[in-house]
Each structure stands twice: as C-alpha cells, then as structure tokens.
Amino acid sequence: MAPVHPTITRYFERGGSSTPDADGLAELFTDDAVVVDDGTTWTGRDGVRAWKTRTASEFTYATTVTGARADGAAIVVTGHLVGDFPGGEVDLTYTFTLAGDLIARLEIAA
C-alpha cells in the first residue's frame, strides 16, 4: 500500500466510524470543499459537518483502510465498511483531491 497523506490518515481517524468528530473532520476540508457520497453532493465545511452527522445517525459502522494509491492528482483509498446497514459489509473507494494539506474534494463510491 502506498503511503497515505497525513490529512487522509486524520480523515479516517476522525470520520471512519459512526462516532465521528464532525467538527474535527470539517477542519480537514477547504472552505469550498465538495463531498459526493451516495448520490448526494455536500459543499463547504458546513456541508461536511451535516453529511457526517447524517451518516453517523443512520447506522453504526467502522471502516478499515485496505489500500491506497496515487492516481494523477488524486489519492484513491479503498476501505472495508462493516456495520448494521443493509448488507452489513461493503467495500468503498474514496477518491481524495487535496489542496495543500486540506481536502478539496472527496468522492465515495461502492
């Protein structure tokens, strides 16, 4: 697995479970960040907080990072989610675009 940028490591520490630090997570994003998850687009730090608060309130889950690689300007991380959502397990791909040491864009897909 390729080394992961420290900001991405902090992303999974603060937001990789159903008990996230939504404020701490939002600090890792740019003011105009974009998050695309489950067909919905969230923008800005307030959007990041709302997105993470919503996802954490729906299900109990934990994420294990299983891989990482650079793909041009993006960093692609794979993770395995286990929880009480329908199906109970899913592998996800997280595509991060950084601006300096902050996350400018995050797309999450199954």
Protein backbone atom coordinates (compact mmCIF):
# COMPACT_ATOMS: atom_id res chain seq x y z
CA MET A 1 0.00 0.00 0.00
CA ALA A 2 1.30 3.47 -0.88
CA PRO A 3 1.93 5.91 1.96
CA VAL A 4 -1.17 7.92 2.76
CA HIS A 5 -1.05 11.70 3.19
CA PRO A 6 -1.34 12.67 6.90
CA THR A 7 -4.59 14.56 6.23
CA ILE A 8 -6.18 11.42 4.83
CA THR A 9 -4.97 9.42 7.83
CA ARG A 10 -6.64 12.01 10.09
CA TYR A 11 -9.80 11.81 7.95
CA PHE A 12 -10.19 8.12 8.77
CA GLU A 13 -9.26 8.66 12.43
CA ARG A 14 -11.89 11.38 12.85
CA GLY A 15 -14.59 10.14 10.49
CA GLY A 16 -14.15 6.43 9.81
CA SER A 17 -16.79 5.26 12.24
CA SER A 18 -20.32 6.05 13.32
CA THR A 19 -18.99 8.17 16.20
CA PRO A 20 -17.19 10.84 14.18
CA ASP A 21 -15.70 14.11 15.31
CA ALA A 22 -17.73 16.12 12.78
CA ASP A 23 -16.12 19.46 13.71
CA GLY A 24 -12.61 18.00 13.68
CA LEU A 25 -13.36 16.30 10.38
CA ALA A 26 -14.63 19.54 8.81
CA GLU A 27 -11.32 21.23 9.71
CA LEU A 28 -9.58 18.84 7.29
CA PHE A 29 -11.54 20.28 4.33
CA THR A 30 -11.20 23.53 2.40
CA ASP A 31 -13.86 26.21 2.88
CA ASP A 32 -15.37 25.32 -0.52
CA ALA A 33 -14.83 21.55 -0.38
CA VAL A 34 -17.11 19.15 -2.21
CA VAL A 35 -18.12 15.71 -0.91
CA VAL A 36 -20.05 13.33 -3.16
CA ASP A 37 -21.49 10.33 -1.30
CA ASP A 38 -24.44 8.06 -2.01
CA GLY A 39 -25.77 10.26 -4.81
CA THR A 40 -25.70 13.47 -2.78
CA THR A 41 -23.27 16.39 -3.07
CA TRP A 42 -22.32 18.34 0.05
CA THR A 43 -20.37 21.61 -0.13
CA GLY A 44 -18.26 23.63 2.28
CA ARG A 45 -17.30 22.82 5.84
CA ASP A 46 -20.92 23.17 7.00
CA GLY A 47 -21.86 20.61 4.35
CA VAL A 48 -19.13 18.25 5.58
CA ARG A 49 -20.47 18.53 9.14
CA ALA A 50 -24.05 17.90 8.00
CA TRP A 51 -23.02 14.95 5.81
CA LYS A 52 -21.02 13.22 8.53
CA THR A 53 -23.66 13.89 11.21
CA ARG A 54 -26.36 12.41 8.94
CA THR A 55 -24.39 9.29 8.00
CA ALA A 56 -23.40 8.68 11.63
CA SER A 57 -27.01 8.96 12.81
CA GLU A 58 -28.34 6.38 10.33
CA PHE A 59 -26.12 3.37 11.07
CA THR A 60 -23.37 2.05 13.31
CA TYR A 61 -20.24 1.22 11.29
CA ALA A 62 -16.45 1.04 11.28
CA THR A 63 -14.02 1.41 8.38
CA THR A 64 -10.78 -0.46 7.79
CA VAL A 65 -8.44 1.01 5.15
CA THR A 66 -7.37 -1.77 2.80
CA GLY A 67 -5.32 0.07 0.18
CA ALA A 68 -4.13 3.39 -1.21
CA ARG A 69 -2.60 4.62 -4.45
CA ALA A 70 -1.91 7.83 -6.29
CA ASP A 71 -3.95 8.39 -9.45
CA GLY A 72 -2.71 11.57 -11.07
CA ALA A 73 -3.63 14.45 -8.75
CA ALA A 74 -5.97 12.23 -6.72
CA ILE A 75 -5.29 9.79 -3.91
CA VAL A 76 -7.52 6.74 -4.09
CA VAL A 77 -8.11 4.83 -0.86
CA THR A 78 -10.05 1.59 -0.58
CA GLY A 79 -11.82 0.69 2.61
CA HIS A 80 -13.96 -2.08 4.04
CA LEU A 81 -17.04 -0.95 5.99
CA VAL A 82 -18.76 -3.24 8.49
CA GLY A 83 -21.93 -2.21 10.30
CA ASP A 84 -25.66 -2.51 10.80
CA PHE A 85 -26.62 -1.06 7.42
CA PRO A 86 -28.39 -3.25 4.79
CA GLY A 87 -25.95 -5.96 3.71
CA GLY A 88 -23.70 -5.38 6.72
CA GLU A 89 -20.45 -5.08 4.71
CA VAL A 90 -19.28 -3.08 1.72
CA ASP A 91 -16.01 -2.17 0.03
CA LEU A 92 -15.77 1.52 -0.82
CA THR A 93 -13.43 3.66 -2.88
CA TYR A 94 -12.59 7.12 -1.53
CA THR A 95 -11.10 9.48 -4.13
CA PHE A 96 -9.44 12.46 -2.44
CA THR A 97 -8.23 15.63 -4.13
CA LEU A 98 -6.05 17.77 -1.89
CA ALA A 99 -5.35 21.50 -1.95
CA GLY A 100 -2.16 21.80 0.07
CA ASP A 101 -2.84 19.93 3.29
CA LEU A 102 -6.64 20.16 3.07
CA ILE A 103 -9.22 18.03 1.27
CA ALA A 104 -10.78 19.94 -1.62
CA ARG A 105 -12.89 17.09 -2.98
CA LEU A 106 -13.92 13.63 -1.80
CA GLU A 107 -15.93 11.15 -3.84
CA ILE A 108 -17.08 7.92 -2.21
CA ALA A 109 -18.32 5.02 -4.33
CA ALA A 110 -19.09 1.34 -3.86
